[in-house]
Amino acid sequence: MQIDQLKASLEALNAEVYTNNFSAVQDFNKYSRFNTRLKVPSYASVPTTGEVGEIIEVAGKLRICSATNVFTIVGIQT
């Protein structure tokens, strides 16, 4: 009987600890404040490979990898 009570207590504790701590989706504010600089690598030409979300600079234009191995210019840049 004590083992069953301990199991129930442990399950309740696990449920309490993991609730809202781990989820597939997290909501972040639209704007974030960084206390450090973001260093973006600079390339002479667009690389042939890239991971989604990777940010680079090519010939003064900021680009992001929008799909595997596809770099897209970010925003309107002159």
N, C-alpha and C. Protein backbone atom coordinates (compact mmCIF):
# COMPACT_ATOMS: atom_id res chain seq x y z
N MET A 1 0.83 -1.19 0.00
CA MET A 1 0.00 0.00 0.00
C MET A 1 0.88 1.26 0.00
N GLN A 2 1.95 1.25 0.78
CA GLN A 2 2.84 2.40 0.82
C GLN A 2 3.51 2.62 -0.54
N ILE A 3 3.84 1.52 -1.21
CA ILE A 3 4.47 1.64 -2.53
C ILE A 3 3.51 2.29 -3.51
N ASP A 4 2.23 1.92 -3.45
CA ASP A 4 1.23 2.52 -4.32
C ASP A 4 1.09 4.02 -4.04
N GLN A 5 1.13 4.40 -2.77
CA GLN A 5 1.05 5.81 -2.41
C GLN A 5 2.27 6.57 -2.91
N LEU A 6 3.45 5.95 -2.77
CA LEU A 6 4.67 6.59 -3.27
C LEU A 6 4.64 6.76 -4.79
N LYS A 7 4.14 5.74 -5.49
CA LYS A 7 4.02 5.83 -6.94
C LYS A 7 3.09 6.97 -7.34
N ALA A 8 1.96 7.06 -6.65
CA ALA A 8 0.99 8.12 -6.95
C ALA A 8 1.59 9.49 -6.67
N SER A 9 2.32 9.60 -5.57
CA SER A 9 2.96 10.88 -5.23
C SER A 9 4.02 11.24 -6.28
N LEU A 10 4.78 10.26 -6.73
CA LEU A 10 5.80 10.51 -7.73
C LEU A 10 5.18 10.93 -9.06
N GLU A 11 4.10 10.28 -9.46
CA GLU A 11 3.40 10.64 -10.69
C GLU A 11 2.85 12.06 -10.60
N ALA A 12 2.29 12.41 -9.46
CA ALA A 12 1.76 13.76 -9.27
C ALA A 12 2.88 14.80 -9.32
N LEU A 13 4.01 14.48 -8.72
CA LEU A 13 5.16 15.39 -8.74
C LEU A 13 5.69 15.56 -10.15
N ASN A 14 5.82 14.47 -10.89
CA ASN A 14 6.27 14.55 -12.28
C ASN A 14 5.32 15.39 -13.12
N ALA A 15 4.04 15.20 -12.94
CA ALA A 15 3.05 15.98 -13.70
C ALA A 15 3.18 17.47 -13.38
N GLU A 16 3.41 17.78 -12.13
CA GLU A 16 3.54 19.18 -11.72
C GLU A 16 4.80 19.82 -12.28
N VAL A 17 5.91 19.07 -12.27
CA VAL A 17 7.19 19.60 -12.74
C VAL A 17 7.17 19.81 -14.24
N TYR A 18 6.61 18.87 -14.99
CA TYR A 18 6.67 18.93 -16.45
C TYR A 18 5.56 19.76 -17.08
N THR A 19 4.52 20.08 -16.34
CA THR A 19 3.44 20.88 -16.89
C THR A 19 3.95 22.27 -17.26
N ASN A 20 3.73 22.67 -18.50
CA ASN A 20 4.11 23.98 -19.03
C ASN A 20 5.62 24.22 -19.08
N ASN A 21 6.42 23.22 -18.80
CA ASN A 21 7.86 23.39 -18.92
C ASN A 21 8.37 22.90 -20.26
N PHE A 22 7.73 21.91 -20.81
CA PHE A 22 8.15 21.35 -22.08
C PHE A 22 6.93 21.24 -22.99
N SER A 23 6.98 21.94 -24.10
CA SER A 23 5.89 21.84 -25.06
C SER A 23 6.46 21.96 -26.46
N ALA A 24 5.70 21.53 -27.43
CA ALA A 24 6.16 21.57 -28.81
C ALA A 24 6.16 23.00 -29.35
N VAL A 25 5.36 23.87 -28.78
CA VAL A 25 5.25 25.24 -29.26
C VAL A 25 5.52 26.20 -28.11
N GLN A 26 6.37 27.19 -28.37
CA GLN A 26 6.63 28.20 -27.37
C GLN A 26 6.32 29.56 -27.97
N ASP A 27 5.71 30.42 -27.19
CA ASP A 27 5.34 31.75 -27.65
C ASP A 27 6.40 32.75 -27.19
N PHE A 28 7.05 33.40 -28.13
CA PHE A 28 8.05 34.40 -27.80
C PHE A 28 7.52 35.78 -28.18
N ASN A 29 7.97 36.79 -27.46
CA ASN A 29 7.58 38.15 -27.81
C ASN A 29 8.04 38.47 -29.22
N LYS A 30 7.35 39.40 -29.87
CA LYS A 30 7.71 39.77 -31.23
C LYS A 30 9.08 40.43 -31.27
N TYR A 31 9.40 41.19 -30.26
CA TYR A 31 10.68 41.88 -30.21
C TYR A 31 11.52 41.33 -29.07
N SER A 32 12.78 41.15 -29.31
CA SER A 32 13.70 40.67 -28.28
C SER A 32 14.84 41.65 -28.14
N ARG A 33 15.36 41.78 -26.96
CA ARG A 33 16.50 42.66 -26.71
C ARG A 33 17.74 41.81 -26.49
N PHE A 34 18.77 42.08 -27.27
CA PHE A 34 20.03 41.36 -27.13
C PHE A 34 21.05 42.27 -26.47
N ASN A 35 21.80 41.73 -25.56
CA ASN A 35 22.86 42.50 -24.90
C ASN A 35 24.19 42.33 -25.60
N THR A 36 24.23 41.48 -26.61
CA THR A 36 25.45 41.27 -27.37
C THR A 36 25.16 41.45 -28.85
N ARG A 37 26.19 41.54 -29.63
CA ARG A 37 26.02 41.69 -31.08
C ARG A 37 25.81 40.34 -31.74
N LEU A 38 25.07 40.37 -32.81
CA LEU A 38 24.87 39.18 -33.62
C LEU A 38 25.86 39.27 -34.77
N LYS A 39 26.80 38.36 -34.83
CA LYS A 39 27.81 38.37 -35.89
C LYS A 39 27.32 37.49 -37.03
N VAL A 40 27.18 38.09 -38.21
CA VAL A 40 26.68 37.40 -39.38
C VAL A 40 27.86 37.12 -40.31
N PRO A 41 28.05 35.86 -40.71
CA PRO A 41 29.16 35.56 -41.61
C PRO A 41 28.97 36.21 -42.98
N SER A 42 30.07 36.64 -43.57
CA SER A 42 30.05 37.29 -44.87
C SER A 42 30.67 36.37 -45.91
N TYR A 43 30.03 36.28 -47.06
CA TYR A 43 30.50 35.43 -48.15
C TYR A 43 30.66 36.25 -49.42
N ALA A 44 31.56 35.82 -50.30
CA ALA A 44 31.75 36.47 -51.60
C ALA A 44 30.63 36.11 -52.56
N SER A 45 30.09 34.90 -52.42
CA SER A 45 28.95 34.46 -53.24
C SER A 45 28.05 33.58 -52.39
N VAL A 46 26.85 33.35 -52.87
CA VAL A 46 25.88 32.56 -52.11
C VAL A 46 26.37 31.12 -52.02
N PRO A 47 26.44 30.56 -50.81
CA PRO A 47 26.88 29.17 -50.66
C PRO A 47 25.89 28.20 -51.30
N THR A 48 26.37 27.04 -51.67
CA THR A 48 25.49 26.04 -52.29
C THR A 48 24.71 25.24 -51.26
N THR A 49 25.16 25.25 -50.00
CA THR A 49 24.45 24.52 -48.96
C THR A 49 24.12 25.44 -47.80
N GLY A 50 23.01 25.16 -47.14
CA GLY A 50 22.61 25.94 -45.97
C GLY A 50 21.49 25.27 -45.22
N GLU A 51 21.41 25.56 -43.92
CA GLU A 51 20.35 25.03 -43.08
C GLU A 51 19.28 26.09 -42.89
N VAL A 52 18.04 25.66 -42.80
CA VAL A 52 16.92 26.59 -42.62
C VAL A 52 17.16 27.45 -41.39
N GLY A 53 17.02 28.77 -41.54
CA GLY A 53 17.22 29.71 -40.45
C GLY A 53 18.60 30.33 -40.42
N GLU A 54 19.53 29.82 -41.19
CA GLU A 54 20.89 30.36 -41.23
C GLU A 54 20.87 31.75 -41.86
N ILE A 55 21.59 32.69 -41.26
CA ILE A 55 21.65 34.07 -41.75
C ILE A 55 23.06 34.33 -42.26
N ILE A 56 23.15 34.94 -43.45
CA ILE A 56 24.45 35.27 -44.03
C ILE A 56 24.37 36.64 -44.70
N GLU A 57 25.54 37.17 -45.07
CA GLU A 57 25.63 38.43 -45.82
C GLU A 57 26.45 38.15 -47.07
N VAL A 58 25.89 38.54 -48.23
CA VAL A 58 26.58 38.37 -49.50
C VAL A 58 26.51 39.68 -50.26
N ALA A 59 27.67 40.27 -50.56
CA ALA A 59 27.75 41.51 -51.33
C ALA A 59 26.86 42.61 -50.73
N GLY A 60 26.88 42.74 -49.42
CA GLY A 60 26.12 43.80 -48.75
C GLY A 60 24.65 43.51 -48.58
N LYS A 61 24.18 42.34 -48.97
CA LYS A 61 22.76 41.96 -48.83
C LYS A 61 22.63 40.89 -47.75
N LEU A 62 21.66 41.07 -46.87
CA LEU A 62 21.38 40.10 -45.81
C LEU A 62 20.46 39.03 -46.38
N ARG A 63 20.83 37.78 -46.17
CA ARG A 63 20.03 36.66 -46.69
C ARG A 63 19.77 35.67 -45.58
N ILE A 64 18.65 34.95 -45.72
CA ILE A 64 18.31 33.89 -44.77
C ILE A 64 18.01 32.62 -45.56
N CYS A 65 18.38 31.49 -44.99
CA CYS A 65 18.10 30.21 -45.63
C CYS A 65 16.64 29.88 -45.34
N SER A 66 15.78 30.02 -46.35
CA SER A 66 14.34 29.84 -46.18
C SER A 66 13.91 28.39 -46.40
N ALA A 67 14.70 27.63 -47.11
CA ALA A 67 14.50 26.20 -47.31
C ALA A 67 15.89 25.60 -47.46
N THR A 68 16.01 24.32 -47.31
CA THR A 68 17.32 23.69 -47.39
C THR A 68 18.04 24.12 -48.68
N ASN A 69 19.22 24.71 -48.51
CA ASN A 69 20.08 25.16 -49.61
C ASN A 69 19.49 26.29 -50.45
N VAL A 70 18.50 27.02 -49.93
CA VAL A 70 17.90 28.16 -50.65
C VAL A 70 18.03 29.41 -49.79
N PHE A 71 18.81 30.40 -50.26
CA PHE A 71 18.99 31.65 -49.54
C PHE A 71 18.16 32.75 -50.18
N THR A 72 17.38 33.46 -49.37
CA THR A 72 16.48 34.51 -49.84
C THR A 72 16.89 35.83 -49.22
N ILE A 73 16.89 36.91 -50.02
CA ILE A 73 17.21 38.23 -49.51
C ILE A 73 16.14 38.64 -48.51
N VAL A 74 16.57 39.21 -47.37
CA VAL A 74 15.65 39.61 -46.31
C VAL A 74 15.21 41.05 -46.54
N GLY A 75 13.90 41.26 -46.61
CA GLY A 75 13.34 42.60 -46.72
C GLY A 75 13.74 43.33 -47.99
N ILE A 76 13.59 44.65 -47.96
CA ILE A 76 13.95 45.50 -49.10
C ILE A 76 15.28 46.13 -48.79
N GLN A 77 16.28 45.82 -49.57
CA GLN A 77 17.64 46.34 -49.35
C GLN A 77 18.10 47.03 -50.63
N THR A 78 18.69 48.19 -50.45
CA THR A 78 19.19 48.92 -51.62
C THR A 78 20.70 48.95 -51.63
